[in-house]
Amino acid sequence: MGVRFKIEFRTKISGDLFRIELLDSNFSGSATTISSLYSPGLEIEYEGQGQERHDHIKSSSATINLKIDTDSASLALQSWLEGTLLNNNEDRYHVAIYKNENIFWYGVLLPDLFQWQNAPKPFKFTLKATDGLKRLQSYDFNWALTYASGAAPNVRQVDFITIFHEILKKTPFYI
């Protein structure tokens, strides 16, 4: 999976360095650097935020507000967004977000939720992505109960981390 486009910015208050990478599973070239975002550039929202005190695993989504201008990088991004990305399988394209060089968030781009202004340049192009945890609702994980119960003498006990690791293998992001 190759990095097709990347954007770097610093937050004004904390000074943290963020890097957003738009990934394409069929791309192997060098990344094009995009220079600017519309405010707010990046938003990450956690489902059920503030509802459950002990709900430690929450699905999340990211919104990225790109600025499409007249420079060559913006034109390449616009062409990719409107041509390639909107006409392909969503599991092919991912987004990786780094905070101070550490992975902060990872998800799949959702082309059917993209929004853009029908206006002259510069204009805003909004990308939406999900972490994929919500997709796990459709999977049946009854096998985990068998492992945990120890009912059969040859079945080993499995801890939560092992079960969670096996569940994450069901997402399109498992590496």
C-alpha atoms as a PDB file:
ATOM      1  CA  MET A   1       0.000   0.000   0.000  1.00  0.00           C
ATOM      2  CA  GLY A   2       1.502   3.296  -1.070  1.00  0.00           C
ATOM      3  CA  VAL A   3       1.076   6.858   0.138  1.00  0.00           C
ATOM      4  CA  ARG A   4      -0.570   8.756  -2.701  1.00  0.00           C
ATOM      5  CA  PHE A   5      -0.911  12.166  -0.969  1.00  0.00           C
ATOM      6  CA  LYS A   6       0.252  13.596   2.351  1.00  0.00           C
ATOM      7  CA  ILE A   7      -0.477  16.735   4.333  1.00  0.00           C
ATOM      8  CA  GLU A   8       1.465  18.019   7.343  1.00  0.00           C
ATOM      9  CA  PHE A   9       0.411  20.724   9.785  1.00  0.00           C
ATOM     10  CA  ARG A  10       1.036  21.907  13.337  1.00  0.00           C
ATOM     11  CA  THR A  11      -1.713  22.663  15.811  1.00  0.00           C
ATOM     12  CA  LYS A  12      -1.782  26.261  16.959  1.00  0.00           C
ATOM     13  CA  ILE A  13      -2.275  25.616  20.681  1.00  0.00           C
ATOM     14  CA  SER A  14      -0.150  22.549  21.513  1.00  0.00           C
ATOM     15  CA  GLY A  15       2.240  22.707  18.562  1.00  0.00           C
ATOM     16  CA  ASP A  16       1.749  18.993  17.808  1.00  0.00           C
ATOM     17  CA  LEU A  17       2.808  17.901  14.325  1.00  0.00           C
ATOM     18  CA  PHE A  18       0.138  15.986  12.406  1.00  0.00           C
ATOM     19  CA  ARG A  19       0.670  14.143   9.130  1.00  0.00           C
ATOM     20  CA  ILE A  20      -2.270  12.810   7.135  1.00  0.00           C
ATOM     21  CA  GLU A  21      -1.489  10.165   4.517  1.00  0.00           C
ATOM     22  CA  LEU A  22      -3.984   9.136   1.838  1.00  0.00           C
ATOM     23  CA  LEU A  23      -3.154   5.531   0.971  1.00  0.00           C
ATOM     24  CA  ASP A  24      -3.912   3.498  -2.152  1.00  0.00           C
ATOM     25  CA  SER A  25      -3.414  -0.276  -2.108  1.00  0.00           C
ATOM     26  CA  ASN A  26      -2.581  -0.247  -5.848  1.00  0.00           C
ATOM     27  CA  PHE A  27      -0.081   2.629  -5.733  1.00  0.00           C
ATOM     28  CA  SER A  28       3.689   2.297  -5.480  1.00  0.00           C
ATOM     29  CA  GLY A  29       5.033   5.722  -6.505  1.00  0.00           C
ATOM     30  CA  SER A  30       6.180   8.652  -4.414  1.00  0.00           C
ATOM     31  CA  ALA A  31       3.737  10.746  -2.393  1.00  0.00           C
ATOM     32  CA  THR A  32       2.550  14.173  -3.502  1.00  0.00           C
ATOM     33  CA  THR A  33       2.555  16.787  -0.741  1.00  0.00           C
ATOM     34  CA  ILE A  34      -0.592  18.890  -0.359  1.00  0.00           C
ATOM     35  CA  SER A  35       0.010  22.322   1.084  1.00  0.00           C
ATOM     36  CA  SER A  36      -3.179  23.436   2.798  1.00  0.00           C
ATOM     37  CA  LEU A  37      -6.398  22.495   4.546  1.00  0.00           C
ATOM     38  CA  TYR A  38      -9.601  24.395   5.203  1.00  0.00           C
ATOM     39  CA  SER A  39     -10.430  25.039   8.838  1.00  0.00           C
ATOM     40  CA  PRO A  40     -11.065  22.841  10.677  1.00  0.00           C
ATOM     41  CA  GLY A  41      -8.552  20.721   8.788  1.00  0.00           C
ATOM     42  CA  LEU A  42      -8.993  17.505  10.741  1.00  0.00           C
ATOM     43  CA  GLU A  43     -11.808  16.321  12.988  1.00  0.00           C
ATOM     44  CA  ILE A  44     -11.981  12.931  14.709  1.00  0.00           C
ATOM     45  CA  GLU A  45     -15.286  12.000  16.293  1.00  0.00           C
ATOM     46  CA  TYR A  46     -15.866   9.038  18.610  1.00  0.00           C
ATOM     47  CA  GLU A  47     -19.281   7.401  18.516  1.00  0.00           C
ATOM     48  CA  GLY A  48     -21.128   7.650  21.797  1.00  0.00           C
ATOM     49  CA  GLN A  49     -18.637  10.205  23.045  1.00  0.00           C
ATOM     50  CA  GLY A  50     -19.389  10.973  26.680  1.00  0.00           C
ATOM     51  CA  GLN A  51     -22.268   8.494  26.957  1.00  0.00           C
ATOM     52  CA  GLU A  52     -20.722   5.509  28.742  1.00  0.00           C
ATOM     53  CA  ARG A  53     -18.081   5.939  31.388  1.00  0.00           C
ATOM     54  CA  HIS A  54     -16.569   2.458  30.996  1.00  0.00           C
ATOM     55  CA  ASP A  55     -16.969   2.093  27.232  1.00  0.00           C
ATOM     56  CA  HIS A  56     -13.286   1.923  26.281  1.00  0.00           C
ATOM     57  CA  ILE A  57     -13.656   0.714  22.699  1.00  0.00           C
ATOM     58  CA  LYS A  58     -15.533   3.189  20.533  1.00  0.00           C
ATOM     59  CA  SER A  59     -15.797   3.392  16.793  1.00  0.00           C
ATOM     60  CA  SER A  60     -14.604   6.643  15.315  1.00  0.00           C
ATOM     61  CA  SER A  61     -14.635   8.628  12.116  1.00  0.00           C
ATOM     62  CA  ALA A  62     -12.369  11.278  10.655  1.00  0.00           C
ATOM     63  CA  THR A  63     -13.254  14.296   8.560  1.00  0.00           C
ATOM     64  CA  ILE A  64     -10.515  15.941   6.493  1.00  0.00           C
ATOM     65  CA  ASN A  65     -11.194  19.308   4.845  1.00  0.00           C
ATOM     66  CA  LEU A  66      -8.833  19.661   1.896  1.00  0.00           C
ATOM     67  CA  LYS A  67      -8.250  22.907   0.047  1.00  0.00           C
ATOM     68  CA  ILE A  68      -8.301  22.446  -3.734  1.00  0.00           C
ATOM     69  CA  ASP A  69      -6.442  25.318  -5.373  1.00  0.00           C
ATOM     70  CA  THR A  70      -4.747  25.951  -8.734  1.00  0.00           C
ATOM     71  CA  ASP A  71      -1.298  24.514  -7.872  1.00  0.00           C
ATOM     72  CA  SER A  72      -0.209  21.246  -9.506  1.00  0.00           C
ATOM     73  CA  ALA A  73      -0.515  19.172  -6.296  1.00  0.00           C
ATOM     74  CA  SER A  74      -4.101  20.360  -5.769  1.00  0.00           C
ATOM     75  CA  LEU A  75      -4.977  19.612  -9.388  1.00  0.00           C
ATOM     76  CA  ALA A  76      -3.502  16.100  -9.085  1.00  0.00           C
ATOM     77  CA  LEU A  77      -5.473  15.560  -5.871  1.00  0.00           C
ATOM     78  CA  GLN A  78      -8.698  16.808  -7.475  1.00  0.00           C
ATOM     79  CA  SER A  79      -8.199  14.516 -10.453  1.00  0.00           C
ATOM     80  CA  TRP A  80      -7.564  11.526  -8.165  1.00  0.00           C
ATOM     81  CA  LEU A  81     -10.535  12.326  -5.923  1.00  0.00           C
ATOM     82  CA  GLU A  82     -13.043  12.916  -8.719  1.00  0.00           C
ATOM     83  CA  GLY A  83     -11.793  10.266 -11.117  1.00  0.00           C
ATOM     84  CA  THR A  84     -10.087   7.343  -9.460  1.00  0.00           C
ATOM     85  CA  LEU A  85     -11.290   7.392  -5.884  1.00  0.00           C
ATOM     86  CA  LEU A  86     -14.990   7.929  -6.520  1.00  0.00           C
ATOM     87  CA  ASN A  87     -15.127   5.055  -9.023  1.00  0.00           C
ATOM     88  CA  ASN A  88     -13.437   2.254  -7.062  1.00  0.00           C
ATOM     89  CA  ASN A  89     -13.922  -0.096  -4.130  1.00  0.00           C
ATOM     90  CA  GLU A  90     -13.751   1.795  -0.820  1.00  0.00           C
ATOM     91  CA  ASP A  91     -11.555  -0.856   0.854  1.00  0.00           C
ATOM     92  CA  ARG A  92      -8.789   0.054  -1.586  1.00  0.00           C
ATOM     93  CA  TYR A  93      -8.217   3.509  -0.038  1.00  0.00           C
ATOM     94  CA  HIS A  94      -7.187   4.256   3.532  1.00  0.00           C
ATOM     95  CA  VAL A  95      -6.059   7.197   5.623  1.00  0.00           C
ATOM     96  CA  ALA A  96      -3.308   7.136   8.235  1.00  0.00           C
ATOM     97  CA  ILE A  97      -2.996  10.020  10.683  1.00  0.00           C
ATOM     98  CA  TYR A  98       0.216  10.528  12.625  1.00  0.00           C
ATOM     99  CA  LYS A  99       0.666  12.761  15.656  1.00  0.00           C
ATOM    100  CA  ASN A 100       4.292  13.657  16.400  1.00  0.00           C
ATOM    101  CA  GLU A 101       5.440  10.748  14.162  1.00  0.00           C
ATOM    102  CA  ASN A 102       3.320   8.141  16.022  1.00  0.00           C
ATOM    103  CA  ILE A 103       0.285   6.510  14.460  1.00  0.00           C
ATOM    104  CA  PHE A 104      -2.743   8.297  15.907  1.00  0.00           C
ATOM    105  CA  TRP A 105      -5.667   7.083  13.785  1.00  0.00           C
ATOM    106  CA  TYR A 106      -6.212   4.709  10.852  1.00  0.00           C
ATOM    107  CA  GLY A 107      -9.279   4.114   8.722  1.00  0.00           C
ATOM    108  CA  VAL A 108     -10.856   3.489   5.351  1.00  0.00           C
ATOM    109  CA  LEU A 109     -11.954   6.345   3.067  1.00  0.00           C
ATOM    110  CA  LEU A 110     -15.680   6.427   2.296  1.00  0.00           C
ATOM    111  CA  PRO A 111     -16.129   7.929  -1.189  1.00  0.00           C
ATOM    112  CA  ASP A 112     -19.925   7.973  -0.975  1.00  0.00           C
ATOM    113  CA  LEU A 113     -19.706  10.495   1.906  1.00  0.00           C
ATOM    114  CA  PHE A 114     -17.326  12.950   0.220  1.00  0.00           C
ATOM    115  CA  GLN A 115     -18.507  16.532  -0.249  1.00  0.00           C
ATOM    116  CA  TRP A 116     -17.164  19.332  -2.376  1.00  0.00           C
ATOM    117  CA  GLN A 117     -18.198  22.815  -3.335  1.00  0.00           C
ATOM    118  CA  ASN A 118     -19.320  23.589  -6.850  1.00  0.00           C
ATOM    119  CA  ALA A 119     -17.324  26.803  -6.874  1.00  0.00           C
ATOM    120  CA  PRO A 120     -14.231  28.287  -8.491  1.00  0.00           C
ATOM    121  CA  LYS A 121     -10.877  27.475  -6.940  1.00  0.00           C
ATOM    122  CA  PRO A 122      -9.947  27.488  -4.161  1.00  0.00           C
ATOM    123  CA  PHE A 123     -12.750  25.293  -2.820  1.00  0.00           C
ATOM    124  CA  LYS A 124     -13.210  22.785  -0.003  1.00  0.00           C
ATOM    125  CA  PHE A 125     -13.238  19.022  -0.617  1.00  0.00           C
ATOM    126  CA  THR A 126     -14.303  17.070   2.486  1.00  0.00           C
ATOM    127  CA  LEU A 127     -13.132  13.475   2.937  1.00  0.00           C
ATOM    128  CA  LYS A 128     -14.791  11.079   5.367  1.00  0.00           C
ATOM    129  CA  ALA A 129     -13.220   7.942   6.805  1.00  0.00           C
ATOM    130  CA  THR A 130     -14.159   5.339   9.400  1.00  0.00           C
ATOM    131  CA  ASP A 131     -11.987   3.150  11.611  1.00  0.00           C
ATOM    132  CA  GLY A 132     -14.019   0.055  10.673  1.00  0.00           C
ATOM    133  CA  LEU A 133     -14.965  -1.029  14.187  1.00  0.00           C
ATOM    134  CA  LYS A 134     -18.643  -0.347  13.436  1.00  0.00           C
ATOM    135  CA  ARG A 135     -18.422  -2.902  10.595  1.00  0.00           C
ATOM    136  CA  LEU A 136     -17.721  -5.624  13.158  1.00  0.00           C
ATOM    137  CA  GLN A 137     -21.366  -5.540  14.297  1.00  0.00           C
ATOM    138  CA  SER A 138     -22.277  -7.825  11.406  1.00  0.00           C
ATOM    139  CA  TYR A 139     -19.812 -10.563  12.406  1.00  0.00           C
ATOM    140  CA  ASP A 140     -20.696 -13.462  14.702  1.00  0.00           C
ATOM    141  CA  PHE A 141     -17.883 -14.169  17.168  1.00  0.00           C
ATOM    142  CA  ASN A 142     -19.311 -17.231  18.924  1.00  0.00           C
ATOM    143  CA  TRP A 143     -15.970 -19.027  18.540  1.00  0.00           C
ATOM    144  CA  ALA A 144     -14.580 -16.698  21.220  1.00  0.00           C
ATOM    145  CA  LEU A 145     -16.991 -18.189  23.769  1.00  0.00           C
ATOM    146  CA  THR A 146     -15.693 -21.670  23.018  1.00  0.00           C
ATOM    147  CA  TYR A 147     -12.094 -20.585  23.565  1.00  0.00           C
ATOM    148  CA  ALA A 148     -12.899 -18.723  26.767  1.00  0.00           C
ATOM    149  CA  SER A 149     -15.090 -21.427  28.323  1.00  0.00           C
ATOM    150  CA  GLY A 150     -12.429 -24.149  28.200  1.00  0.00           C
ATOM    151  CA  ALA A 151     -15.264 -26.667  27.714  1.00  0.00           C
ATOM    152  CA  ALA A 152     -13.200 -29.074  25.653  1.00  0.00           C
ATOM    153  CA  PRO A 153     -10.058 -30.517  27.272  1.00  0.00           C
ATOM    154  CA  ASN A 154      -7.868 -29.649  24.260  1.00  0.00           C
ATOM    155  CA  VAL A 155      -9.063 -26.050  24.009  1.00  0.00           C
ATOM    156  CA  ARG A 156      -6.694 -23.573  25.614  1.00  0.00           C
ATOM    157  CA  GLN A 157      -7.696 -20.579  27.687  1.00  0.00           C
ATOM    158  CA  VAL A 158      -7.423 -17.331  25.729  1.00  0.00           C
ATOM    159  CA  ASP A 159      -6.988 -13.867  27.186  1.00  0.00           C
ATOM    160  CA  PHE A 160      -8.828 -10.741  26.069  1.00  0.00           C
ATOM    161  CA  ILE A 161      -5.904  -9.424  24.016  1.00  0.00           C
ATOM    162  CA  THR A 162      -5.823 -12.609  21.918  1.00  0.00           C
ATOM    163  CA  ILE A 163      -9.570 -12.454  21.287  1.00  0.00           C
ATOM    164  CA  PHE A 164      -9.377  -8.741  20.447  1.00  0.00           C
ATOM    165  CA  HIS A 165      -6.496  -9.422  18.042  1.00  0.00           C
ATOM    166  CA  GLU A 166      -8.554 -12.096  16.275  1.00  0.00           C
ATOM    167  CA  ILE A 167     -11.512  -9.704  16.025  1.00  0.00           C
ATOM    168  CA  LEU A 168      -9.351  -6.973  14.501  1.00  0.00           C
ATOM    169  CA  LYS A 169      -8.288  -9.427  11.801  1.00  0.00           C
ATOM    170  CA  LYS A 170     -11.867  -9.094  10.515  1.00  0.00           C
ATOM    171  CA  THR A 171     -11.321  -5.421   9.663  1.00  0.00           C
ATOM    172  CA  PRO A 172      -9.908  -4.343   6.294  1.00  0.00           C
ATOM    173  CA  PHE A 173      -6.962  -2.648   8.023  1.00  0.00           C
ATOM    174  CA  TYR A 174      -5.364  -5.675   9.619  1.00  0.00           C
ATOM    175  CA  ILE A 175      -1.719  -5.796   8.575  1.00  0.00           C
END
